[in-house]
Amino acid sequence: MAAAILKISGHGEIQQVELDAKVTILGRSDQCDVTFESKEVSRKHARIFQDPFGCRVVEDLGSHNGTFVNDKRVEAYAVLPCESISIGPFSLSIEPSLAQQTHSQSCNLCTSWYCYRGGRFALS
């Protein structure tokens, strides 16, 4: 699967990070791939990885304050582009890269992703 974009908003700023690696660690520590400056975020708070079906999964790494998708606390969750992730005071979303969007448009498809959830495939 091609890279995806992680959009992060918080503290009045919006940032975009390319998720091209198989695993991206999120947290307050300088050792993380994406760092957040907030005491509400654990040193190693969560990770985003690509499952065998090509979906992006957010997984909480035992953080104190939790990781939320669509305002529900999760341990692990296959995230679709329309869903909101919350870590401390930060809001995140995963979106297709420009290359994925262009490919979808050229194939006359919407930017839907197939994800495996609970024994079935879901289409966003």
N, C-alpha and C. Protein backbone atom coordinates (compact mmCIF):
# COMPACT_ATOMS: atom_id res chain seq x y z
N MET A 1 0.84 -1.17 0.00
CA MET A 1 0.00 0.00 0.00
C MET A 1 0.88 1.23 0.00
N ALA A 2 0.51 2.23 -0.74
CA ALA A 2 1.27 3.47 -0.80
C ALA A 2 1.15 4.21 0.52
N ALA A 3 1.96 5.24 0.65
CA ALA A 3 1.98 6.04 1.86
C ALA A 3 0.62 6.68 2.11
N ALA A 4 0.37 6.96 3.38
CA ALA A 4 -0.81 7.71 3.78
C ALA A 4 -0.32 8.96 4.49
N ILE A 5 -1.22 9.90 4.69
CA ILE A 5 -0.89 11.15 5.35
C ILE A 5 -1.56 11.17 6.72
N LEU A 6 -0.79 11.47 7.77
CA LEU A 6 -1.33 11.65 9.11
C LEU A 6 -1.46 13.15 9.34
N LYS A 7 -2.71 13.63 9.49
CA LYS A 7 -2.96 15.05 9.77
C LYS A 7 -3.12 15.20 11.27
N ILE A 8 -2.38 16.15 11.85
CA ILE A 8 -2.39 16.37 13.29
C ILE A 8 -2.77 17.82 13.55
N SER A 9 -3.78 18.02 14.39
CA SER A 9 -4.12 19.39 14.79
C SER A 9 -4.13 19.47 16.31
N GLY A 10 -3.57 20.56 16.81
CA GLY A 10 -3.49 20.78 18.25
C GLY A 10 -2.65 21.99 18.53
N HIS A 11 -2.91 22.65 19.63
CA HIS A 11 -2.20 23.88 20.01
C HIS A 11 -2.27 24.93 18.90
N GLY A 12 -3.39 24.98 18.18
CA GLY A 12 -3.59 25.99 17.15
C GLY A 12 -2.81 25.76 15.87
N GLU A 13 -2.22 24.60 15.71
CA GLU A 13 -1.43 24.29 14.52
C GLU A 13 -1.95 23.02 13.85
N ILE A 14 -1.70 22.93 12.55
CA ILE A 14 -2.01 21.72 11.79
C ILE A 14 -0.74 21.26 11.11
N GLN A 15 -0.40 19.99 11.29
CA GLN A 15 0.79 19.41 10.66
C GLN A 15 0.37 18.19 9.86
N GLN A 16 1.17 17.86 8.86
CA GLN A 16 0.96 16.64 8.09
C GLN A 16 2.25 15.84 8.09
N VAL A 17 2.11 14.54 8.34
CA VAL A 17 3.25 13.64 8.37
C VAL A 17 2.94 12.48 7.44
N GLU A 18 3.91 12.11 6.62
CA GLU A 18 3.70 10.98 5.71
C GLU A 18 3.94 9.68 6.47
N LEU A 19 2.99 8.77 6.36
CA LEU A 19 3.11 7.45 6.99
C LEU A 19 3.56 6.46 5.93
N ASP A 20 4.84 6.44 5.65
CA ASP A 20 5.34 5.51 4.65
C ASP A 20 5.97 4.28 5.27
N ALA A 21 6.25 4.35 6.55
CA ALA A 21 6.85 3.21 7.24
C ALA A 21 5.76 2.20 7.62
N LYS A 22 6.18 0.98 7.87
CA LYS A 22 5.23 -0.05 8.29
C LYS A 22 4.67 0.27 9.68
N VAL A 23 5.50 0.86 10.56
CA VAL A 23 5.08 1.20 11.92
C VAL A 23 5.54 2.61 12.24
N THR A 24 4.64 3.41 12.81
CA THR A 24 4.96 4.76 13.26
C THR A 24 4.60 4.85 14.74
N ILE A 25 5.57 5.20 15.58
CA ILE A 25 5.35 5.33 17.02
C ILE A 25 5.03 6.79 17.33
N LEU A 26 3.97 7.00 18.12
CA LEU A 26 3.53 8.33 18.51
C LEU A 26 3.71 8.49 20.02
N GLY A 27 4.23 9.64 20.44
CA GLY A 27 4.37 9.87 21.87
C GLY A 27 5.15 11.13 22.17
N ARG A 28 5.45 11.32 23.45
CA ARG A 28 6.14 12.51 23.94
C ARG A 28 7.66 12.38 23.84
N SER A 29 8.17 11.16 23.79
CA SER A 29 9.61 10.90 23.77
C SER A 29 10.24 11.30 22.44
N ASP A 30 11.48 11.77 22.52
CA ASP A 30 12.24 12.09 21.31
C ASP A 30 12.54 10.84 20.49
N GLN A 31 12.40 9.66 21.08
CA GLN A 31 12.65 8.41 20.38
C GLN A 31 11.48 8.01 19.48
N CYS A 32 10.34 8.71 19.59
CA CYS A 32 9.16 8.40 18.77
C CYS A 32 9.32 8.98 17.37
N ASP A 33 8.62 8.38 16.42
CA ASP A 33 8.63 8.87 15.05
C ASP A 33 7.88 10.20 14.93
N VAL A 34 6.80 10.34 15.69
CA VAL A 34 6.01 11.57 15.73
C VAL A 34 5.90 11.96 17.20
N THR A 35 6.35 13.18 17.54
CA THR A 35 6.36 13.60 18.94
C THR A 35 5.30 14.67 19.20
N PHE A 36 4.75 14.62 20.41
CA PHE A 36 3.74 15.56 20.87
C PHE A 36 4.24 16.21 22.15
N GLU A 37 4.14 17.51 22.24
CA GLU A 37 4.55 18.23 23.44
C GLU A 37 3.34 18.46 24.32
N SER A 38 3.07 17.50 25.20
CA SER A 38 1.95 17.61 26.13
C SER A 38 2.14 16.56 27.21
N LYS A 39 1.90 16.95 28.45
CA LYS A 39 1.97 16.00 29.57
C LYS A 39 0.83 15.00 29.51
N GLU A 40 -0.21 15.27 28.71
CA GLU A 40 -1.34 14.35 28.57
C GLU A 40 -1.00 13.18 27.64
N VAL A 41 0.14 13.26 26.98
CA VAL A 41 0.59 12.22 26.04
C VAL A 41 1.71 11.43 26.71
N SER A 42 1.60 10.11 26.69
CA SER A 42 2.63 9.25 27.27
C SER A 42 3.90 9.28 26.43
N ARG A 43 5.01 8.86 27.04
CA ARG A 43 6.29 8.86 26.31
C ARG A 43 6.17 8.05 25.02
N LYS A 44 5.65 6.84 25.12
CA LYS A 44 5.32 6.02 23.94
C LYS A 44 3.84 5.72 24.06
N HIS A 45 3.03 6.52 23.42
CA HIS A 45 1.59 6.53 23.63
C HIS A 45 0.85 5.52 22.74
N ALA A 46 1.15 5.54 21.45
CA ALA A 46 0.42 4.69 20.50
C ALA A 46 1.30 4.41 19.29
N ARG A 47 0.85 3.48 18.49
CA ARG A 47 1.54 3.22 17.23
C ARG A 47 0.49 3.09 16.14
N ILE A 48 0.90 3.40 14.93
CA ILE A 48 0.06 3.20 13.75
C ILE A 48 0.83 2.25 12.85
N PHE A 49 0.16 1.17 12.46
CA PHE A 49 0.83 0.19 11.60
C PHE A 49 -0.13 -0.26 10.51
N GLN A 50 0.44 -0.92 9.54
CA GLN A 50 -0.33 -1.43 8.41
C GLN A 50 -0.58 -2.91 8.63
N ASP A 51 -1.87 -3.32 8.61
CA ASP A 51 -2.18 -4.73 8.82
C ASP A 51 -2.00 -5.51 7.50
N PRO A 52 -2.13 -6.84 7.53
CA PRO A 52 -1.91 -7.64 6.31
C PRO A 52 -2.87 -7.30 5.17
N PHE A 53 -3.99 -6.63 5.47
CA PHE A 53 -4.96 -6.26 4.44
C PHE A 53 -4.71 -4.87 3.88
N GLY A 54 -3.65 -4.19 4.38
CA GLY A 54 -3.33 -2.85 3.89
C GLY A 54 -4.00 -1.73 4.64
N CYS A 55 -4.73 -2.04 5.69
CA CYS A 55 -5.40 -1.01 6.49
C CYS A 55 -4.45 -0.44 7.53
N ARG A 56 -4.67 0.80 7.89
CA ARG A 56 -3.90 1.43 8.96
C ARG A 56 -4.61 1.18 10.28
N VAL A 57 -3.87 0.69 11.26
CA VAL A 57 -4.42 0.38 12.57
C VAL A 57 -3.72 1.25 13.60
N VAL A 58 -4.51 1.88 14.48
CA VAL A 58 -3.94 2.62 15.61
C VAL A 58 -4.05 1.72 16.83
N GLU A 59 -2.96 1.59 17.57
CA GLU A 59 -2.92 0.74 18.75
C GLU A 59 -2.37 1.53 19.92
N ASP A 60 -3.09 1.53 21.03
CA ASP A 60 -2.63 2.18 22.25
C ASP A 60 -1.52 1.32 22.86
N LEU A 61 -0.47 1.95 23.35
CA LEU A 61 0.66 1.21 23.91
C LEU A 61 0.64 1.25 25.44
N GLY A 62 -0.55 1.15 26.03
CA GLY A 62 -0.67 1.15 27.48
C GLY A 62 -0.59 2.55 28.07
N SER A 63 -0.99 3.55 27.32
CA SER A 63 -0.93 4.93 27.78
C SER A 63 -1.86 5.15 28.96
N HIS A 64 -1.53 6.14 29.77
CA HIS A 64 -2.35 6.46 30.94
C HIS A 64 -3.68 7.10 30.55
N ASN A 65 -3.66 8.03 29.60
CA ASN A 65 -4.86 8.78 29.22
C ASN A 65 -5.63 8.20 28.06
N GLY A 66 -5.09 7.18 27.41
CA GLY A 66 -5.82 6.48 26.37
C GLY A 66 -5.71 7.07 24.98
N THR A 67 -6.13 6.26 24.02
CA THR A 67 -6.22 6.63 22.61
C THR A 67 -7.68 6.45 22.23
N PHE A 68 -8.22 7.43 21.52
CA PHE A 68 -9.64 7.43 21.19
C PHE A 68 -9.85 7.50 19.68
N VAL A 69 -10.82 6.75 19.19
CA VAL A 69 -11.25 6.85 17.80
C VAL A 69 -12.75 7.14 17.84
N ASN A 70 -13.13 8.22 17.19
CA ASN A 70 -14.54 8.66 17.20
C ASN A 70 -15.07 8.77 18.63
N ASP A 71 -14.24 9.33 19.52
CA ASP A 71 -14.59 9.59 20.93
C ASP A 71 -14.78 8.33 21.77
N LYS A 72 -14.33 7.17 21.29
CA LYS A 72 -14.40 5.94 22.07
C LYS A 72 -12.98 5.44 22.32
N ARG A 73 -12.70 5.11 23.58
CA ARG A 73 -11.37 4.61 23.92
C ARG A 73 -11.15 3.25 23.25
N VAL A 74 -9.98 3.08 22.65
CA VAL A 74 -9.67 1.84 21.94
C VAL A 74 -8.32 1.30 22.38
N GLU A 75 -8.17 -0.02 22.24
CA GLU A 75 -6.87 -0.65 22.41
C GLU A 75 -6.20 -0.77 21.05
N ALA A 76 -6.98 -1.17 20.05
CA ALA A 76 -6.51 -1.24 18.66
C ALA A 76 -7.74 -1.07 17.76
N TYR A 77 -7.53 -0.40 16.62
CA TYR A 77 -8.69 -0.09 15.77
C TYR A 77 -8.20 0.18 14.34
N ALA A 78 -8.84 -0.46 13.36
CA ALA A 78 -8.54 -0.20 11.94
C ALA A 78 -9.23 1.11 11.56
N VAL A 79 -8.45 2.12 11.28
CA VAL A 79 -8.96 3.47 11.07
C VAL A 79 -9.24 3.73 9.60
N LEU A 80 -10.43 4.25 9.33
CA LEU A 80 -10.80 4.66 7.98
C LEU A 80 -10.54 6.15 7.83
N PRO A 81 -10.41 6.66 6.60
CA PRO A 81 -10.07 8.07 6.40
C PRO A 81 -11.04 9.07 7.04
N CYS A 82 -12.29 8.71 7.21
CA CYS A 82 -13.27 9.65 7.75
C CYS A 82 -13.29 9.66 9.29
N GLU A 83 -12.48 8.84 9.93
CA GLU A 83 -12.55 8.71 11.38
C GLU A 83 -11.52 9.57 12.09
N SER A 84 -11.89 10.02 13.29
CA SER A 84 -11.07 10.93 14.08
C SER A 84 -10.35 10.18 15.20
N ILE A 85 -9.05 10.42 15.33
CA ILE A 85 -8.23 9.84 16.39
C ILE A 85 -7.90 10.97 17.36
N SER A 86 -7.98 10.70 18.67
CA SER A 86 -7.60 11.69 19.68
C SER A 86 -6.54 11.11 20.60
N ILE A 87 -5.48 11.87 20.76
CA ILE A 87 -4.40 11.54 21.69
C ILE A 87 -4.14 12.81 22.49
N GLY A 88 -4.49 12.78 23.77
CA GLY A 88 -4.37 13.99 24.59
C GLY A 88 -5.16 15.12 23.94
N PRO A 89 -4.57 16.32 23.84
CA PRO A 89 -5.27 17.45 23.24
C PRO A 89 -5.17 17.50 21.71
N PHE A 90 -4.65 16.45 21.10
CA PHE A 90 -4.41 16.44 19.66
C PHE A 90 -5.47 15.62 18.92
N SER A 91 -5.90 16.11 17.78
CA SER A 91 -6.81 15.40 16.89
C SER A 91 -6.02 14.96 15.67
N LEU A 92 -6.20 13.70 15.28
CA LEU A 92 -5.47 13.15 14.14
C LEU A 92 -6.45 12.49 13.18
N SER A 93 -6.04 12.43 11.93
CA SER A 93 -6.79 11.66 10.93
C SER A 93 -5.80 11.10 9.93
N ILE A 94 -6.16 9.97 9.36
CA ILE A 94 -5.31 9.33 8.35
C ILE A 94 -6.04 9.47 7.03
N GLU A 95 -5.33 10.02 6.06
CA GLU A 95 -5.92 10.26 4.74
C GLU A 95 -5.04 9.63 3.67
N PRO A 96 -5.65 9.30 2.55
CA PRO A 96 -4.85 8.76 1.45
C PRO A 96 -3.82 9.79 0.99
N SER A 97 -2.69 9.32 0.54
CA SER A 97 -1.68 10.23 -0.01
C SER A 97 -2.20 10.82 -1.32
N LEU A 98 -1.53 11.86 -1.78
CA LEU A 98 -1.91 12.48 -3.05
C LEU A 98 -1.86 11.46 -4.18
N ALA A 99 -0.88 10.56 -4.14
CA ALA A 99 -0.76 9.53 -5.18
C ALA A 99 -1.98 8.61 -5.16
N GLN A 100 -2.44 8.23 -3.95
CA GLN A 100 -3.62 7.37 -3.85
C GLN A 100 -4.86 8.10 -4.35
N GLN A 101 -4.99 9.39 -4.01
CA GLN A 101 -6.14 10.17 -4.45
C GLN A 101 -6.15 10.30 -5.96
N THR A 102 -4.99 10.56 -6.56
CA THR A 102 -4.88 10.70 -8.00
C THR A 102 -5.22 9.39 -8.69
N HIS A 103 -4.70 8.27 -8.14
CA HIS A 103 -5.00 6.95 -8.71
C HIS A 103 -6.50 6.68 -8.65
N SER A 104 -7.13 6.97 -7.52
CA SER A 104 -8.56 6.73 -7.38
C SER A 104 -9.35 7.57 -8.37
N GLN A 105 -8.95 8.82 -8.57
CA GLN A 105 -9.66 9.69 -9.50
C GLN A 105 -9.47 9.20 -10.93
N SER A 106 -8.26 8.76 -11.25
CA SER A 106 -8.00 8.32 -12.62
C SER A 106 -8.74 7.03 -12.94
N CYS A 107 -9.03 6.23 -11.92
CA CYS A 107 -9.79 5.00 -12.12
C CYS A 107 -11.29 5.25 -11.97
N ASN A 108 -11.68 6.51 -11.81
CA ASN A 108 -13.07 6.90 -11.64
C ASN A 108 -13.69 6.23 -10.42
N LEU A 109 -12.89 6.13 -9.35
CA LEU A 109 -13.35 5.56 -8.09
C LEU A 109 -13.33 6.63 -7.01
N CYS A 110 -14.15 6.45 -6.00
CA CYS A 110 -14.03 7.34 -4.85
C CYS A 110 -12.85 6.86 -4.02
N THR A 111 -12.47 7.61 -3.01
CA THR A 111 -11.30 7.26 -2.22
C THR A 111 -11.66 6.30 -1.10
N SER A 112 -12.45 5.28 -1.40
CA SER A 112 -12.83 4.29 -0.40
C SER A 112 -11.69 3.31 -0.18
N TRP A 113 -11.58 2.84 1.04
CA TRP A 113 -10.60 1.84 1.40
C TRP A 113 -11.35 0.62 1.92
N TYR A 114 -10.83 -0.56 1.62
CA TYR A 114 -11.40 -1.79 2.17
C TYR A 114 -10.63 -2.15 3.44
N CYS A 115 -11.34 -2.45 4.49
CA CYS A 115 -10.70 -2.87 5.73
C CYS A 115 -11.41 -4.07 6.30
N TYR A 116 -10.65 -4.92 6.92
CA TYR A 116 -11.19 -6.13 7.54
C TYR A 116 -11.56 -5.80 8.98
N ARG A 117 -12.83 -5.98 9.31
CA ARG A 117 -13.29 -5.68 10.67
C ARG A 117 -14.20 -6.79 11.14
N GLY A 118 -13.86 -7.40 12.24
CA GLY A 118 -14.73 -8.36 12.90
C GLY A 118 -15.23 -9.47 12.00
N GLY A 119 -14.38 -10.01 11.17
CA GLY A 119 -14.77 -11.14 10.33
C GLY A 119 -15.42 -10.76 9.02
N ARG A 120 -15.44 -9.47 8.69
CA ARG A 120 -16.02 -9.05 7.41
C ARG A 120 -15.22 -7.87 6.87
N PHE A 121 -15.35 -7.64 5.59
CA PHE A 121 -14.71 -6.48 4.99
C PHE A 121 -15.69 -5.32 5.01
N ALA A 122 -15.19 -4.15 5.40
CA ALA A 122 -16.02 -2.95 5.44
C ALA A 122 -15.51 -1.97 4.39
N LEU A 123 -16.42 -1.30 3.74
CA LEU A 123 -16.08 -0.30 2.74
C LEU A 123 -16.50 1.04 3.26
N SER A 124 -15.55 1.98 3.29
CA SER A 124 -15.90 3.31 3.80
C SER A 124 -16.47 4.15 2.69
